[in-house]
Amino acid sequence: GVMREEQLGAKRGFICSLCAHEWEFPRVMCPGCGEDRNDA
């Protein structure tokens, strides 16, 4: 994952393990199962 500056803080993205493409992904979400509860 990568955090980059944006106007109100930082945005999160992912970098592909094969083609190195970078795309945005929610800061508070598990890419493995979609979990978005802070306590998990």
PDB file of all heavy atoms in Angstrom:
ATOM      1  N   GLY A   1       0.833  -1.189   0.000  1.00  0.00           N
ATOM      2  CA  GLY A   1       0.000   0.000   0.000  1.00  0.00           C
ATOM      3  C   GLY A   1       0.871   1.243   0.000  1.00  0.00           C
ATOM      4  O   GLY A   1       2.063   1.193   0.329  1.00  0.00           O
ATOM      5  N   VAL A   2       0.275   2.373  -0.362  1.00  0.00           N
ATOM      6  CA  VAL A   2       1.012   3.629  -0.384  1.00  0.00           C
ATOM      7  C   VAL A   2       0.094   4.759   0.044  1.00  0.00           C
ATOM      8  O   VAL A   2      -1.092   4.782  -0.324  1.00  0.00           O
ATOM      9  CB  VAL A   2       1.613   3.893  -1.789  1.00  0.00           C
ATOM     10  CG1 VAL A   2       0.540   3.924  -2.860  1.00  0.00           C
ATOM     11  CG2 VAL A   2       2.434   5.170  -1.806  1.00  0.00           C
ATOM     12  N   MET A   3       0.617   5.643   0.865  1.00  0.00           N
ATOM     13  CA  MET A   3      -0.117   6.827   1.296  1.00  0.00           C
ATOM     14  C   MET A   3       0.492   8.042   0.612  1.00  0.00           C
ATOM     15  O   MET A   3       1.709   8.248   0.669  1.00  0.00           O
ATOM     16  CB  MET A   3      -0.045   6.987   2.815  1.00  0.00           C
ATOM     17  CG  MET A   3      -0.636   5.833   3.600  1.00  0.00           C
ATOM     18  SD  MET A   3      -2.439   5.725   3.463  1.00  0.00           S
ATOM     19  CE  MET A   3      -2.908   7.121   4.486  1.00  0.00           C
ATOM     20  N   ARG A   4      -0.368   8.851  -0.031  1.00  0.00           N
ATOM     21  CA  ARG A   4       0.073  10.059  -0.711  1.00  0.00           C
ATOM     22  C   ARG A   4      -0.730  11.251  -0.195  1.00  0.00           C
ATOM     23  O   ARG A   4      -1.883  11.100   0.213  1.00  0.00           O
ATOM     24  CB  ARG A   4      -0.119   9.929  -2.228  1.00  0.00           C
ATOM     25  CG  ARG A   4       0.727   8.838  -2.874  1.00  0.00           C
ATOM     26  CD  ARG A   4       0.579   8.856  -4.388  1.00  0.00           C
ATOM     27  NE  ARG A   4       1.326   7.778  -5.011  1.00  0.00           N
ATOM     28  CZ  ARG A   4       2.616   7.852  -5.330  1.00  0.00           C
ATOM     29  NH1 ARG A   4       3.280   8.962  -5.066  1.00  0.00           N
ATOM     30  NH2 ARG A   4       3.235   6.833  -5.901  1.00  0.00           N
ATOM     31  N   GLU A   5      -0.121  12.410  -0.263  1.00  0.00           N
ATOM     32  CA  GLU A   5      -0.783  13.620   0.208  1.00  0.00           C
ATOM     33  C   GLU A   5      -1.989  13.971  -0.661  1.00  0.00           C
ATOM     34  O   GLU A   5      -1.990  13.779  -1.867  1.00  0.00           O
ATOM     35  CB  GLU A   5       0.190  14.809   0.191  1.00  0.00           C
ATOM     36  CG  GLU A   5       1.185  14.808   1.327  1.00  0.00           C
ATOM     37  CD  GLU A   5       1.964  16.111   1.397  1.00  0.00           C
ATOM     38  OE1 GLU A   5       1.440  17.132   0.906  1.00  0.00           O
ATOM     39  OE2 GLU A   5       3.070  16.098   1.946  1.00  0.00           O
ATOM     40  N   GLU A   6      -3.041  14.448  -0.012  1.00  0.00           N
ATOM     41  CA  GLU A   6      -4.153  15.083  -0.702  1.00  0.00           C
ATOM     42  C   GLU A   6      -4.603  16.257   0.166  1.00  0.00           C
ATOM     43  O   GLU A   6      -4.067  16.494   1.241  1.00  0.00           O
ATOM     44  CB  GLU A   6      -5.291  14.106  -0.978  1.00  0.00           C
ATOM     45  CG  GLU A   6      -5.982  13.556   0.236  1.00  0.00           C
ATOM     46  CD  GLU A   6      -7.186  12.688  -0.147  1.00  0.00           C
ATOM     47  OE1 GLU A   6      -7.428  12.525  -1.353  1.00  0.00           O
ATOM     48  OE2 GLU A   6      -7.864  12.196   0.761  1.00  0.00           O
ATOM     49  N   GLN A   7      -5.603  16.974  -0.249  1.00  0.00           N
ATOM     50  CA  GLN A   7      -5.951  18.240   0.399  1.00  0.00           C
ATOM     51  C   GLN A   7      -6.257  18.099   1.883  1.00  0.00           C
ATOM     52  O   GLN A   7      -5.816  18.903   2.694  1.00  0.00           O
ATOM     53  CB  GLN A   7      -7.136  18.885  -0.322  1.00  0.00           C
ATOM     54  CG  GLN A   7      -6.784  19.376  -1.714  1.00  0.00           C
ATOM     55  CD  GLN A   7      -7.959  20.045  -2.393  1.00  0.00           C
ATOM     56  OE1 GLN A   7      -9.109  19.892  -1.960  1.00  0.00           O
ATOM     57  NE2 GLN A   7      -7.696  20.781  -3.462  1.00  0.00           N
ATOM     58  N   LEU A   8      -7.008  17.086   2.260  1.00  0.00           N
ATOM     59  CA  LEU A   8      -7.446  16.959   3.654  1.00  0.00           C
ATOM     60  C   LEU A   8      -6.774  15.794   4.371  1.00  0.00           C
ATOM     61  O   LEU A   8      -7.388  15.122   5.191  1.00  0.00           O
ATOM     62  CB  LEU A   8      -8.975  16.801   3.700  1.00  0.00           C
ATOM     63  CG  LEU A   8      -9.771  17.960   3.107  1.00  0.00           C
ATOM     64  CD1 LEU A   8     -11.261  17.647   3.128  1.00  0.00           C
ATOM     65  CD2 LEU A   8      -9.484  19.256   3.881  1.00  0.00           C
ATOM     66  N   GLY A   9      -5.511  15.555   4.070  1.00  0.00           N
ATOM     67  CA  GLY A   9      -4.820  14.475   4.755  1.00  0.00           C
ATOM     68  C   GLY A   9      -3.996  13.640   3.806  1.00  0.00           C
ATOM     69  O   GLY A   9      -3.080  14.134   3.158  1.00  0.00           O
ATOM     70  N   ALA A  10      -4.319  12.356   3.706  1.00  0.00           N
ATOM     71  CA  ALA A  10      -3.584  11.460   2.825  1.00  0.00           C
ATOM     72  C   ALA A  10      -4.547  10.442   2.229  1.00  0.00           C
ATOM     73  O   ALA A  10      -5.488   9.993   2.885  1.00  0.00           O
ATOM     74  CB  ALA A  10      -2.469  10.756   3.587  1.00  0.00           C
ATOM     75  N   LYS A  11      -4.296  10.072   0.983  1.00  0.00           N
ATOM     76  CA  LYS A  11      -5.115   9.049   0.341  1.00  0.00           C
ATOM     77  C   LYS A  11      -4.306   7.765   0.239  1.00  0.00           C
ATOM     78  O   LYS A  11      -3.074   7.780   0.136  1.00  0.00           O
ATOM     79  CB  LYS A  11      -5.578   9.502  -1.037  1.00  0.00           C
ATOM     80  CG  LYS A  11      -4.456   9.728  -2.039  1.00  0.00           C
ATOM     81  CD  LYS A  11      -5.021  10.150  -3.394  1.00  0.00           C
ATOM     82  CE  LYS A  11      -3.888  10.381  -4.405  1.00  0.00           C
ATOM     83  NZ  LYS A  11      -4.428  10.790  -5.729  1.00  0.00           N
ATOM     84  N   ARG A  12      -5.005   6.655   0.262  1.00  0.00           N
ATOM     85  CA  ARG A  12      -4.359   5.351   0.223  1.00  0.00           C
ATOM     86  C   ARG A  12      -4.542   4.720  -1.147  1.00  0.00           C
ATOM     87  O   ARG A  12      -5.603   4.831  -1.770  1.00  0.00           O
ATOM     88  CB  ARG A  12      -4.981   4.438   1.285  1.00  0.00           C
ATOM     89  CG  ARG A  12      -4.388   3.036   1.361  1.00  0.00           C
ATOM     90  CD  ARG A  12      -5.323   2.145   2.156  1.00  0.00           C
ATOM     91  NE  ARG A  12      -4.719   0.907   2.574  1.00  0.00           N
ATOM     92  CZ  ARG A  12      -5.404  -0.115   3.096  1.00  0.00           C
ATOM     93  NH1 ARG A  12      -6.716  -0.016   3.251  1.00  0.00           N
ATOM     94  NH2 ARG A  12      -4.795  -1.210   3.466  1.00  0.00           N
ATOM     95  N   GLY A  13      -3.492   4.080  -1.612  1.00  0.00           N
ATOM     96  CA  GLY A  13      -3.567   3.332  -2.852  1.00  0.00           C
ATOM     97  C   GLY A  13      -2.838   2.011  -2.698  1.00  0.00           C
ATOM     98  O   GLY A  13      -2.178   1.757  -1.688  1.00  0.00           O
ATOM     99  N   PHE A  14      -2.964   1.170  -3.714  1.00  0.00           N
ATOM    100  CA  PHE A  14      -2.228  -0.089  -3.768  1.00  0.00           C
ATOM    101  C   PHE A  14      -1.382  -0.129  -5.026  1.00  0.00           C
ATOM    102  O   PHE A  14      -1.754   0.451  -6.050  1.00  0.00           O
ATOM    103  CB  PHE A  14      -3.189  -1.285  -3.770  1.00  0.00           C
ATOM    104  CG  PHE A  14      -3.759  -1.621  -2.422  1.00  0.00           C
ATOM    105  CD1 PHE A  14      -5.080  -2.015  -2.303  1.00  0.00           C
ATOM    106  CD2 PHE A  14      -2.979  -1.578  -1.282  1.00  0.00           C
ATOM    107  CE1 PHE A  14      -5.617  -2.334  -1.066  1.00  0.00           C
ATOM    108  CE2 PHE A  14      -3.509  -1.888  -0.041  1.00  0.00           C
ATOM    109  CZ  PHE A  14      -4.826  -2.279   0.063  1.00  0.00           C
ATOM    110  N   ILE A  15      -0.265  -0.842  -4.948  1.00  0.00           N
ATOM    111  CA  ILE A  15       0.599  -1.051  -6.098  1.00  0.00           C
ATOM    112  C   ILE A  15       0.558  -2.530  -6.457  1.00  0.00           C
ATOM    113  O   ILE A  15       0.759  -3.396  -5.601  1.00  0.00           O
ATOM    114  CB  ILE A  15       2.044  -0.608  -5.805  1.00  0.00           C
ATOM    115  CG1 ILE A  15       2.080   0.897  -5.547  1.00  0.00           C
ATOM    116  CG2 ILE A  15       2.970  -0.972  -6.971  1.00  0.00           C
ATOM    117  CD1 ILE A  15       3.440   1.423  -5.144  1.00  0.00           C
ATOM    118  N   CYS A  16       0.298  -2.799  -7.731  1.00  0.00           N
ATOM    119  CA  CYS A  16       0.140  -4.176  -8.198  1.00  0.00           C
ATOM    120  C   CYS A  16       1.448  -4.949  -8.106  1.00  0.00           C
ATOM    121  O   CYS A  16       2.527  -4.430  -8.393  1.00  0.00           O
ATOM    122  CB  CYS A  16      -0.361  -4.155  -9.639  1.00  0.00           C
ATOM    123  SG  CYS A  16      -0.527  -5.805 -10.368  1.00  0.00           S
ATOM    124  N   SER A  17       1.343  -6.215  -7.748  1.00  0.00           N
ATOM    125  CA  SER A  17       2.513  -7.077  -7.590  1.00  0.00           C
ATOM    126  C   SER A  17       3.095  -7.517  -8.924  1.00  0.00           C
ATOM    127  O   SER A  17       4.212  -8.035  -8.969  1.00  0.00           O
ATOM    128  CB  SER A  17       2.145  -8.323  -6.770  1.00  0.00           C
ATOM    129  OG  SER A  17       1.082  -9.032  -7.394  1.00  0.00           O
ATOM    130  N   LEU A  18       2.371  -7.308 -10.028  1.00  0.00           N
ATOM    131  CA  LEU A  18       2.880  -7.709 -11.342  1.00  0.00           C
ATOM    132  C   LEU A  18       3.170  -6.513 -12.245  1.00  0.00           C
ATOM    133  O   LEU A  18       4.300  -6.324 -12.675  1.00  0.00           O
ATOM    134  CB  LEU A  18       1.898  -8.666 -12.037  1.00  0.00           C
ATOM    135  CG  LEU A  18       2.323  -9.162 -13.421  1.00  0.00           C
ATOM    136  CD1 LEU A  18       3.652  -9.916 -13.355  1.00  0.00           C
ATOM    137  CD2 LEU A  18       1.238 -10.041 -14.040  1.00  0.00           C
ATOM    138  N   CYS A  19       2.166  -5.688 -12.518  1.00  0.00           N
ATOM    139  CA  CYS A  19       2.344  -4.626 -13.517  1.00  0.00           C
ATOM    140  C   CYS A  19       2.667  -3.265 -12.916  1.00  0.00           C
ATOM    141  O   CYS A  19       2.851  -2.298 -13.652  1.00  0.00           O
ATOM    142  CB  CYS A  19       1.106  -4.524 -14.415  1.00  0.00           C
ATOM    143  SG  CYS A  19      -0.346  -3.783 -13.614  1.00  0.00           S
ATOM    144  N   ALA A  20       2.717  -3.150 -11.584  1.00  0.00           N
ATOM    145  CA  ALA A  20       3.083  -1.920 -10.865  1.00  0.00           C
ATOM    146  C   ALA A  20       2.058  -0.807 -11.012  1.00  0.00           C
ATOM    147  O   ALA A  20       2.330   0.325 -10.633  1.00  0.00           O
ATOM    148  CB  ALA A  20       4.462  -1.418 -11.298  1.00  0.00           C
ATOM    149  N   HIS A  21       0.870  -1.107 -11.541  1.00  0.00           N
ATOM    150  CA  HIS A  21      -0.181  -0.092 -11.592  1.00  0.00           C
ATOM    151  C   HIS A  21      -0.601   0.275 -10.169  1.00  0.00           C
ATOM    152  O   HIS A  21      -0.655  -0.571  -9.283  1.00  0.00           O
ATOM    153  CB  HIS A  21      -1.391  -0.629 -12.366  1.00  0.00           C
ATOM    154  CG  HIS A  21      -2.587   0.261 -12.308  1.00  0.00           C
ATOM    155  ND1 HIS A  21      -2.592   1.528 -12.826  1.00  0.00           N
ATOM    156  CD2 HIS A  21      -3.838   0.061 -11.777  1.00  0.00           C
ATOM    157  CE1 HIS A  21      -3.782   2.089 -12.635  1.00  0.00           C
ATOM    158  NE2 HIS A  21      -4.544   1.215 -11.996  1.00  0.00           N
ATOM    159  N   GLU A  22      -0.894   1.542  -9.963  1.00  0.00           N
ATOM    160  CA  GLU A  22      -1.341   2.021  -8.657  1.00  0.00           C
ATOM    161  C   GLU A  22      -2.789   2.488  -8.745  1.00  0.00           C
ATOM    162  O   GLU A  22      -3.140   3.234  -9.654  1.00  0.00           O
ATOM    163  CB  GLU A  22      -0.459   3.172  -8.183  1.00  0.00           C
ATOM    164  CG  GLU A  22      -0.796   3.665  -6.779  1.00  0.00           C
ATOM    165  CD  GLU A  22       0.132   4.771  -6.310  1.00  0.00           C
ATOM    166  OE1 GLU A  22       1.324   4.753  -6.685  1.00  0.00           O
ATOM    167  OE2 GLU A  22      -0.338   5.657  -5.564  1.00  0.00           O
ATOM    168  N   TRP A  23      -3.614   2.013  -7.820  1.00  0.00           N
ATOM    169  CA  TRP A  23      -5.013   2.423  -7.810  1.00  0.00           C
ATOM    170  C   TRP A  23      -5.442   2.760  -6.393  1.00  0.00           C
ATOM    171  O   TRP A  23      -4.852   2.287  -5.424  1.00  0.00           O
ATOM    172  CB  TRP A  23      -5.910   1.330  -8.403  1.00  0.00           C
ATOM    173  CG  TRP A  23      -6.071   0.077  -7.591  1.00  0.00           C
ATOM    174  CD1 TRP A  23      -7.123  -0.246  -6.772  1.00  0.00           C
ATOM    175  CD2 TRP A  23      -5.173  -1.052  -7.535  1.00  0.00           C
ATOM    176  NE1 TRP A  23      -6.932  -1.490  -6.209  1.00  0.00           N
ATOM    177  CE2 TRP A  23      -5.751  -2.004  -6.656  1.00  0.00           C
ATOM    178  CE3 TRP A  23      -3.949  -1.337  -8.134  1.00  0.00           C
ATOM    179  CZ2 TRP A  23      -5.140  -3.222  -6.377  1.00  0.00           C
ATOM    180  CZ3 TRP A  23      -3.327  -2.556  -7.847  1.00  0.00           C
ATOM    181  CH2 TRP A  23      -3.922  -3.476  -6.976  1.00  0.00           C
ATOM    182  N   GLU A  24      -6.460   3.607  -6.278  1.00  0.00           N
ATOM    183  CA  GLU A  24      -6.930   4.048  -4.970  1.00  0.00           C
ATOM    184  C   GLU A  24      -7.756   2.963  -4.286  1.00  0.00           C
ATOM    185  O   GLU A  24      -8.436   2.161  -4.945  1.00  0.00           O
ATOM    186  CB  GLU A  24      -7.770   5.320  -5.113  1.00  0.00           C
ATOM    187  CG  GLU A  24      -6.963   6.546  -5.515  1.00  0.00           C
ATOM    188  CD  GLU A  24      -7.806   7.810  -5.518  1.00  0.00           C
ATOM    189  OE1 GLU A  24      -8.822   7.850  -4.806  1.00  0.00           O
ATOM    190  OE2 GLU A  24      -7.427   8.764  -6.223  1.00  0.00           O
ATOM    191  N   PHE A  25      -7.667   2.968  -2.952  1.00  0.00           N
ATOM    192  CA  PHE A  25      -8.423   2.008  -2.146  1.00  0.00           C
ATOM    193  C   PHE A  25      -8.740   2.674  -0.820  1.00  0.00           C
ATOM    194  O   PHE A  25      -7.923   3.445  -0.295  1.00  0.00           O
ATOM    195  CB  PHE A  25      -7.599   0.736  -1.917  1.00  0.00           C
ATOM    196  CG  PHE A  25      -8.400  -0.423  -1.390  1.00  0.00           C
ATOM    197  CD1 PHE A  25      -9.169  -1.198  -2.244  1.00  0.00           C
ATOM    198  CD2 PHE A  25      -8.386  -0.736  -0.036  1.00  0.00           C
ATOM    199  CE1 PHE A  25      -9.909  -2.272  -1.757  1.00  0.00           C
ATOM    200  CE2 PHE A  25      -9.122  -1.803   0.451  1.00  0.00           C
ATOM    201  CZ  PHE A  25      -9.883  -2.570  -0.413  1.00  0.00           C
ATOM    202  N   PRO A  26      -9.930   2.408  -0.230  1.00  0.00           N
ATOM    203  CA  PRO A  26     -10.296   3.062   1.037  1.00  0.00           C
ATOM    204  C   PRO A  26      -9.255   2.848   2.121  1.00  0.00           C
ATOM    205  O   PRO A  26      -8.674   1.771   2.252  1.00  0.00           O
ATOM    206  CB  PRO A  26     -11.626   2.377   1.401  1.00  0.00           C
ATOM    207  CG  PRO A  26     -12.188   1.934   0.092  1.00  0.00           C
ATOM    208  CD  PRO A  26     -11.012   1.543  -0.739  1.00  0.00           C
ATOM    209  N   ARG A  27      -9.026   3.885   2.915  1.00  0.00           N
ATOM    210  CA  ARG A  27      -8.029   3.808   3.978  1.00  0.00           C
ATOM    211  C   ARG A  27      -8.418   2.804   5.048  1.00  0.00           C
ATOM    212  O   ARG A  27      -7.560   2.134   5.626  1.00  0.00           O
ATOM    213  CB  ARG A  27      -7.825   5.188   4.619  1.00  0.00           C
ATOM    214  CG  ARG A  27      -7.119   6.181   3.725  1.00  0.00           C
ATOM    215  CD  ARG A  27      -6.822   7.481   4.460  1.00  0.00           C
ATOM    216  NE  ARG A  27      -5.964   7.277   5.628  1.00  0.00           N
ATOM    217  CZ  ARG A  27      -5.410   8.250   6.331  1.00  0.00           C
ATOM    218  NH1 ARG A  27      -5.638   9.522   5.987  1.00  0.00           N
ATOM    219  NH2 ARG A  27      -4.652   8.009   7.373  1.00  0.00           N
ATOM    220  N   VAL A  28      -9.702   2.725   5.366  1.00  0.00           N
ATOM    221  CA  VAL A  28     -10.156   1.831   6.441  1.00  0.00           C
ATOM    222  C   VAL A  28     -10.968   0.704   5.829  1.00  0.00           C
ATOM    223  O   VAL A  28     -12.200   0.693   5.858  1.00  0.00           O
ATOM    224  CB  VAL A  28     -10.985   2.598   7.493  1.00  0.00           C
ATOM    225  CG1 VAL A  28     -11.334   1.682   8.656  1.00  0.00           C
ATOM    226  CG2 VAL A  28     -10.223   3.814   7.998  1.00  0.00           C
ATOM    227  N   MET A  29     -10.270  -0.245   5.225  1.00  0.00           N
ATOM    228  CA  MET A  29     -10.913  -1.434   4.664  1.00  0.00           C
ATOM    229  C   MET A  29      -9.842  -2.489   4.416  1.00  0.00           C
ATOM    230  O   MET A  29      -8.760  -2.190   3.921  1.00  0.00           O
ATOM    231  CB  MET A  29     -11.651  -1.122   3.362  1.00  0.00           C
ATOM    232  CG  MET A  29     -12.298  -2.359   2.713  1.00  0.00           C
ATOM    233  SD  MET A  29     -13.263  -1.975   1.230  1.00  0.00           S
ATOM    234  CE  MET A  29     -14.704  -1.202   1.993  1.00  0.00           C
ATOM    235  N   CYS A  30     -10.152  -3.729   4.768  1.00  0.00           N
ATOM    236  CA  CYS A  30      -9.233  -4.833   4.525  1.00  0.00           C
ATOM    237  C   CYS A  30      -9.346  -5.284   3.069  1.00  0.00           C
ATOM    238  O   CYS A  30     -10.448  -5.611   2.613  1.00  0.00           O
ATOM    239  CB  CYS A  30      -9.545  -5.998   5.455  1.00  0.00           C
ATOM    240  SG  CYS A  30      -8.645  -7.523   5.055  1.00  0.00           S
ATOM    241  N   PRO A  31      -8.244  -5.350   2.328  1.00  0.00           N
ATOM    242  CA  PRO A  31      -8.318  -5.819   0.945  1.00  0.00           C
ATOM    243  C   PRO A  31      -8.539  -7.321   0.841  1.00  0.00           C
ATOM    244  O   PRO A  31      -8.902  -7.830  -0.217  1.00  0.00           O
ATOM    245  CB  PRO A  31      -6.952  -5.434   0.371  1.00  0.00           C
ATOM    246  CG  PRO A  31      -6.047  -5.411   1.558  1.00  0.00           C
ATOM    247  CD  PRO A  31      -6.890  -4.914   2.697  1.00  0.00           C
ATOM    248  N   GLY A  32      -8.334  -8.028   1.949  1.00  0.00           N
ATOM    249  CA  GLY A  32      -8.516  -9.468   1.922  1.00  0.00           C
ATOM    250  C   GLY A  32      -9.959  -9.905   2.025  1.00  0.00           C
ATOM    251  O   GLY A  32     -10.397 -10.826   1.343  1.00  0.00           O
ATOM    252  N   CYS A  33     -10.742  -9.222   2.906  1.00  0.00           N
ATOM    253  CA  CYS A  33     -12.118  -9.661   3.133  1.00  0.00           C
ATOM    254  C   CYS A  33     -13.130  -8.530   3.103  1.00  0.00           C
ATOM    255  O   CYS A  33     -14.332  -8.765   3.249  1.00  0.00           O
ATOM    256  CB  CYS A  33     -12.219 -10.416   4.450  1.00  0.00           C
ATOM    257  SG  CYS A  33     -11.943  -9.393   5.923  1.00  0.00           S
ATOM    258  N   GLY A  34     -12.679  -7.291   2.958  1.00  0.00           N
ATOM    259  CA  GLY A  34     -13.604  -6.159   2.915  1.00  0.00           C
ATOM    260  C   GLY A  34     -14.007  -5.638   4.282  1.00  0.00           C
ATOM    261  O   GLY A  34     -14.853  -4.739   4.377  1.00  0.00           O
ATOM    262  N   GLU A  35     -13.426  -6.169   5.344  1.00  0.00           N
ATOM    263  CA  GLU A  35     -13.751  -5.699   6.702  1.00  0.00           C
ATOM    264  C   GLU A  35     -13.488  -4.193   6.812  1.00  0.00           C
ATOM    265  O   GLU A  35     -12.457  -3.691   6.372  1.00  0.00           O
ATOM    266  CB  GLU A  35     -12.881  -6.443   7.713  1.00  0.00           C
ATOM    267  CG  GLU A  35     -13.098  -6.037   9.155  1.00  0.00           C
ATOM    268  CD  GLU A  35     -14.483  -6.363   9.657  1.00  0.00           C
ATOM    269  OE1 GLU A  35     -14.715  -7.539   9.992  1.00  0.00           O
ATOM    270  OE2 GLU A  35     -15.314  -5.420   9.705  1.00  0.00           O
ATOM    271  N   ASP A  36     -14.469  -3.470   7.413  1.00  0.00           N
ATOM    272  CA  ASP A  36     -14.285  -2.023   7.565  1.00  0.00           C
ATOM    273  C   ASP A  36     -14.593  -1.534   8.973  1.00  0.00           C
ATOM    274  O   ASP A  36     -14.720  -0.337   9.201  1.00  0.00           O
ATOM    275  CB  ASP A  36     -15.138  -1.262   6.542  1.00  0.00           C
ATOM    276  CG  ASP A  36     -16.624  -1.548   6.686  1.00  0.00           C
ATOM    277  OD1 ASP A  36     -17.014  -2.316   7.599  1.00  0.00           O
ATOM    278  OD2 ASP A  36     -17.404  -1.004   5.880  1.00  0.00           O
ATOM    279  N   ARG A  37     -14.688  -2.440   9.939  1.00  0.00           N
ATOM    280  CA  ARG A  37     -14.891  -2.036  11.331  1.00  0.00           C
ATOM    281  C   ARG A  37     -13.539  -1.714  11.954  1.00  0.00           C
ATOM    282  O   ARG A  37     -12.608  -2.524  11.894  1.00  0.00           O
ATOM    283  CB  ARG A  37     -15.572  -3.153  12.112  1.00  0.00           C
ATOM    284  CG  ARG A  37     -17.010  -3.469  11.676  1.00  0.00           C
ATOM    285  CD  ARG A  37     -17.543  -4.667  12.445  1.00  0.00           C
ATOM    286  NE  ARG A  37     -16.712  -5.850  12.199  1.00  0.00           N
ATOM    287  CZ  ARG A  37     -16.555  -6.851  13.063  1.00  0.00           C
ATOM    288  NH1 ARG A  37     -17.156  -6.801  14.248  1.00  0.00           N
ATOM    289  NH2 ARG A  37     -15.800  -7.894  12.755  1.00  0.00           N
ATOM    290  N   ASN A  38     -13.434  -0.543  12.554  1.00  0.00           N
ATOM    291  CA  ASN A  38     -12.162  -0.111  13.128  1.00  0.00           C
ATOM    292  C   ASN A  38     -11.619  -1.075  14.171  1.00  0.00           C
ATOM    293  O   ASN A  38     -10.398  -1.273  14.268  1.00  0.00           O
ATOM    294  CB  ASN A  38     -12.318   1.279  13.753  1.00  0.00           C
ATOM    295  CG  ASN A  38     -12.312   2.385  12.724  1.00  0.00           C
ATOM    296  OD1 ASN A  38     -11.520   2.356  11.796  1.00  0.00           O
ATOM    297  ND2 ASN A  38     -13.198   3.357  12.882  1.00  0.00           N
ATOM    298  N   ASP A  39     -12.533  -1.670  14.962  1.00  0.00           N
ATOM    299  CA  ASP A  39     -12.060  -2.548  16.032  1.00  0.00           C
ATOM    300  C   ASP A  39     -11.510  -3.880  15.516  1.00  0.00           C
ATOM    301  O   ASP A  39     -10.906  -4.643  16.271  1.00  0.00           O
ATOM    302  CB  ASP A  39     -13.170  -2.800  17.061  1.00  0.00           C
ATOM    303  CG  ASP A  39     -14.410  -3.449  16.455  1.00  0.00           C
ATOM    304  OD1 ASP A  39     -14.472  -3.581  15.218  1.00  0.00           O
ATOM    305  OD2 ASP A  39     -15.310  -3.822  17.224  1.00  0.00           O
ATOM    306  N   ALA A  40     -11.712  -4.191  14.230  1.00  0.00           N
ATOM    307  CA  ALA A  40     -11.183  -5.429  13.648  1.00  0.00           C
ATOM    308  C   ALA A  40      -9.917  -5.179  12.827  1.00  0.00           C
ATOM    309  O   ALA A  40      -9.299  -6.123  12.336  1.00  0.00           O
ATOM    310  CB  ALA A  40     -12.236  -6.097  12.763  1.00  0.00           C
TER     311      ALA A  40
END
